[in-house]
Amino acid sequence: MQILFEDAHLILAVKAPGTPSQNDPSGQTSMIDLLSDYCSAPVFCVHRLDTAVGGVMVYAKTRQAAGALSTLFQKGAVTKKYCAVVHGTAAGGVMEDLLYHDKRINKSFVVNAPRKGVKKAVLEYETVVGDSSLSVVDISLGTGRAHQIRVQFSSRKMPLWGDRKYGSTERCSIALWCRYLAFVHPFTGEPVAGVCAPPQTEPWTRFTL
């Protein structure tokens, strides 16, 4: 586990794909477990990455910090940037959809009209490198909906590599990585940023990033 920043209030760390962001009913070791052991004290989860997705996350070391960080996320004051490998040719641009997340099956859907449980989802992306079969895209989230990146690209026939829930046929980890997380420290007022490149594994190794 890589630690990117730490002080008395919060800690930025890199979550590995396959590790739950928070305590899991299955009993699988989570980031909460790992960081609590590292800090020798409880830590608090204020946002999430899907278990299959890796990258930069921030955790609170006190309840006061948890409240302050949660407020930043709710206000959209945290900058999150992702990179992904998608099937097909991605031109770049803005994606704006209405999403419905079915909690019974833990899957999101693009829908055509507002109704109960439907939320607006916005992201902006640009293509870093690619060919006719695969593209590496850099993504800036405007909203943080459940499975947002995964379903928005899949709905445009560009599923993420390894994302079998949303249309990929590859049997491997989902090629989605939170590469950058930044915000103003809620107590010191100083800028805080965590940066981490995706792992040197398939399919990232196909490209020079």
Protein backbone atom coordinates (compact mmCIF):
# COMPACT_ATOMS: atom_id res chain seq x y z
CA MET A 1 0.00 0.00 0.00
CA GLN A 2 1.44 3.35 -1.08
CA ILE A 3 0.96 6.42 1.16
CA LEU A 4 0.98 9.73 -0.75
CA PHE A 5 0.25 12.23 2.05
CA GLU A 6 -0.44 12.09 5.75
CA ASP A 7 -0.98 14.49 8.63
CA ALA A 8 -2.93 14.51 11.89
CA HIS A 9 -6.26 14.90 10.06
CA LEU A 10 -6.20 12.80 6.90
CA ILE A 11 -4.28 10.34 4.79
CA LEU A 12 -4.04 9.85 1.02
CA ALA A 13 -3.24 6.33 -0.15
CA VAL A 14 -3.37 4.19 -3.27
CA LYS A 15 -6.06 1.51 -3.31
CA ALA A 16 -5.20 -1.65 -5.21
CA PRO A 17 -7.80 -3.14 -7.59
CA GLY A 18 -9.75 -5.85 -5.78
CA THR A 19 -9.51 -4.20 -2.36
CA PRO A 20 -12.82 -2.84 -1.00
CA SER A 21 -12.88 0.86 -0.12
CA GLN A 22 -14.69 0.13 3.14
CA ASN A 23 -15.44 -2.87 5.33
CA ASP A 24 -17.04 -5.61 3.28
CA PRO A 25 -19.75 -8.06 4.46
CA SER A 26 -17.65 -10.90 3.04
CA GLY A 27 -14.90 -10.14 5.52
CA GLN A 28 -12.38 -9.33 2.78
CA THR A 29 -9.53 -7.09 3.92
CA SER A 30 -10.46 -3.50 3.06
CA MET A 31 -8.66 -0.17 2.88
CA ILE A 32 -10.20 0.62 6.27
CA ASP A 33 -8.46 -2.45 7.70
CA LEU A 34 -5.13 -1.70 6.04
CA LEU A 35 -5.04 1.97 6.99
CA SER A 36 -6.29 1.39 10.52
CA ASP A 37 -3.44 -1.08 11.01
CA TYR A 38 -0.97 1.38 9.46
CA CYS A 39 -2.15 4.27 11.66
CA SER A 40 -2.73 2.11 14.74
CA ALA A 41 -6.07 3.90 15.05
CA PRO A 42 -9.45 3.92 13.28
CA VAL A 43 -9.79 5.73 9.96
CA PHE A 44 -13.01 6.88 8.32
CA CYS A 45 -14.17 6.39 4.72
CA VAL A 46 -15.53 9.58 3.07
CA HIS A 47 -15.77 8.44 -0.57
CA ARG A 48 -15.50 5.20 -2.52
CA LEU A 49 -13.99 3.51 -5.51
CA ASP A 50 -15.58 0.35 -6.87
CA THR A 51 -13.80 -2.71 -5.46
CA ALA A 52 -12.46 -3.66 -8.90
CA VAL A 53 -11.05 -0.15 -9.48
CA GLY A 54 -7.78 1.19 -8.08
CA GLY A 55 -6.15 4.54 -7.52
CA VAL A 56 -5.85 7.52 -5.19
CA MET A 57 -8.21 7.81 -2.20
CA VAL A 58 -8.40 10.03 0.88
CA TYR A 59 -9.43 8.85 4.35
CA ALA A 60 -10.08 10.81 7.52
CA LYS A 61 -8.17 10.14 10.71
CA THR A 62 -10.72 11.84 12.98
CA ARG A 63 -14.50 12.20 13.01
CA GLN A 64 -14.12 15.95 12.64
CA ALA A 65 -11.99 15.49 9.53
CA ALA A 66 -14.50 12.96 8.16
CA GLY A 67 -17.26 15.54 8.39
CA ALA A 68 -15.15 18.24 6.77
CA LEU A 69 -14.00 16.00 3.90
CA SER A 70 -17.54 14.71 3.31
CA THR A 71 -18.68 18.32 2.96
CA LEU A 72 -15.98 18.96 0.35
CA PHE A 73 -17.14 15.97 -1.69
CA GLN A 74 -20.80 17.01 -1.39
CA LYS A 75 -19.96 20.52 -2.62
CA GLY A 76 -17.96 19.21 -5.56
CA ALA A 77 -14.80 20.80 -4.16
CA VAL A 78 -12.65 17.73 -4.76
CA THR A 79 -11.02 17.35 -8.18
CA LYS A 80 -10.97 13.74 -9.39
CA LYS A 81 -9.27 12.59 -12.56
CA TYR A 82 -9.28 9.07 -13.94
CA CYS A 83 -7.68 7.21 -16.81
CA ALA A 84 -9.22 4.21 -18.52
CA VAL A 85 -8.68 1.83 -21.39
CA VAL A 86 -11.83 1.52 -23.48
CA HIS A 87 -12.75 -0.65 -26.43
CA GLY A 88 -13.00 1.21 -29.72
CA THR A 89 -12.02 4.68 -30.88
CA ALA A 90 -12.83 7.49 -28.43
CA ALA A 91 -12.99 10.95 -29.96
CA GLY A 92 -13.10 12.98 -26.72
CA GLY A 93 -15.74 15.40 -25.49
CA VAL A 94 -18.46 15.67 -22.85
CA MET A 95 -20.86 12.92 -21.77
CA GLU A 96 -24.10 13.95 -20.10
CA ASP A 97 -26.74 11.36 -19.17
CA LEU A 98 -29.50 10.49 -16.75
CA LEU A 99 -28.51 7.46 -14.68
CA TYR A 100 -30.51 5.06 -12.55
CA HIS A 101 -28.69 2.76 -10.14
CA ASP A 102 -30.50 -0.47 -9.31
CA LYS A 103 -29.21 -1.38 -5.85
CA ARG A 104 -30.74 -4.86 -6.03
CA ILE A 105 -28.30 -5.91 -8.74
CA ASN A 106 -25.70 -3.17 -8.16
CA LYS A 107 -25.85 -1.93 -11.75
CA SER A 108 -26.47 1.47 -13.32
CA PHE A 109 -28.45 2.26 -16.47
CA VAL A 110 -28.72 5.24 -18.80
CA VAL A 111 -32.39 6.27 -18.95
CA ASN A 112 -34.31 8.69 -21.13
CA ALA A 113 -36.47 10.59 -18.64
CA PRO A 114 -36.33 11.81 -15.01
CA ARG A 115 -38.05 9.72 -12.35
CA LYS A 116 -37.46 8.71 -8.76
CA GLY A 117 -33.88 7.64 -8.22
CA VAL A 118 -32.60 9.06 -11.53
CA LYS A 119 -29.62 11.43 -11.31
CA LYS A 120 -27.80 13.59 -13.82
CA ALA A 121 -24.25 12.43 -14.66
CA VAL A 122 -21.61 14.53 -16.40
CA LEU A 123 -18.01 13.84 -17.33
CA GLU A 124 -15.45 15.26 -19.74
CA TYR A 125 -12.76 13.19 -21.43
CA GLU A 126 -9.96 13.33 -23.94
CA THR A 127 -8.12 10.58 -25.77
CA VAL A 128 -4.47 10.18 -24.77
CA VAL A 129 -3.51 7.45 -27.23
CA GLY A 130 -5.31 4.73 -29.15
CA ASP A 131 -6.05 2.85 -32.33
CA SER A 132 -9.10 1.28 -33.92
CA SER A 133 -9.50 -1.32 -31.17
CA LEU A 134 -8.46 0.32 -27.89
CA SER A 135 -8.12 3.87 -26.55
CA VAL A 136 -6.64 5.33 -23.38
CA VAL A 137 -8.80 8.19 -22.15
CA ASP A 138 -8.28 10.81 -19.45
CA ILE A 139 -11.49 11.60 -17.56
CA SER A 140 -12.58 14.52 -15.37
CA LEU A 141 -15.73 13.87 -13.36
CA GLY A 142 -18.36 16.55 -13.05
CA THR A 143 -20.53 14.30 -10.87
CA GLY A 144 -19.84 11.17 -8.86
CA ARG A 145 -22.59 8.64 -9.59
CA ALA A 146 -22.44 4.91 -8.99
CA HIS A 147 -20.54 3.19 -11.84
CA GLN A 148 -20.79 6.48 -13.76
CA ILE A 149 -17.69 6.16 -15.95
CA ARG A 150 -18.34 2.50 -16.61
CA VAL A 151 -21.95 2.87 -17.75
CA GLN A 152 -21.52 6.12 -19.68
CA PHE A 153 -18.75 4.70 -21.88
CA SER A 154 -20.53 1.35 -22.23
CA SER A 155 -23.72 3.08 -23.39
CA ARG A 156 -21.71 4.53 -26.27
CA LYS A 157 -20.36 1.10 -27.24
CA MET A 158 -16.99 1.76 -25.64
CA PRO A 159 -16.95 -0.53 -22.58
CA LEU A 160 -13.94 -0.41 -20.30
CA TRP A 161 -11.41 -3.20 -20.75
CA GLY A 162 -12.22 -5.99 -18.30
CA ASP A 163 -15.60 -4.57 -17.26
CA ARG A 164 -17.72 -7.65 -17.91
CA LYS A 165 -20.72 -6.15 -16.09
CA TYR A 166 -20.90 -3.42 -18.74
CA GLY A 167 -20.01 -5.21 -21.94
CA SER A 168 -16.32 -6.17 -22.05
CA THR A 169 -15.46 -9.81 -22.73
CA GLU A 170 -11.95 -9.62 -21.26
CA ARG A 171 -11.46 -11.72 -18.12
CA CYS A 172 -9.24 -9.42 -16.07
CA SER A 173 -9.32 -6.38 -13.80
CA ILE A 174 -11.22 -3.32 -14.99
CA ALA A 175 -8.86 -0.85 -16.68
CA LEU A 176 -10.01 2.18 -14.70
CA TRP A 177 -7.69 4.10 -12.40
CA CYS A 178 -8.12 7.21 -10.24
CA ARG A 179 -4.84 8.93 -11.06
CA TYR A 180 -5.37 12.32 -9.36
CA LEU A 181 -7.24 13.63 -6.33
CA ALA A 182 -6.94 17.24 -5.12
CA PHE A 183 -8.65 19.60 -2.69
CA VAL A 184 -7.97 22.42 -0.25
CA HIS A 185 -7.16 21.05 3.20
CA PRO A 186 -10.22 21.78 5.37
CA PHE A 187 -8.10 22.74 8.41
CA THR A 188 -4.86 24.22 7.10
CA GLY A 189 -6.19 25.84 3.91
CA GLU A 190 -3.24 24.41 1.97
CA PRO A 191 -3.68 22.59 -1.36
CA VAL A 192 -3.40 18.81 -1.10
CA ALA A 193 -2.98 16.53 -4.12
CA GLY A 194 -2.33 12.85 -4.65
CA VAL A 195 -1.00 11.56 -7.98
CA CYS A 196 -0.38 7.96 -9.02
CA ALA A 197 0.04 6.39 -12.46
CA PRO A 198 -1.84 3.19 -13.34
CA PRO A 199 -0.07 -0.10 -12.63
CA GLN A 200 2.32 -1.67 -15.11
CA THR A 201 -0.05 -4.50 -15.95
CA GLU A 202 -2.18 -5.52 -18.93
CA PRO A 203 -3.63 -3.59 -20.75
CA TRP A 204 -1.78 -0.46 -19.54
CA THR A 205 1.55 -1.94 -20.70
CA ARG A 206 0.32 -1.84 -24.30
CA PHE A 207 0.71 1.92 -24.30
CA THR A 208 3.38 4.54 -23.62
CA LEU A 209 1.66 6.97 -21.25
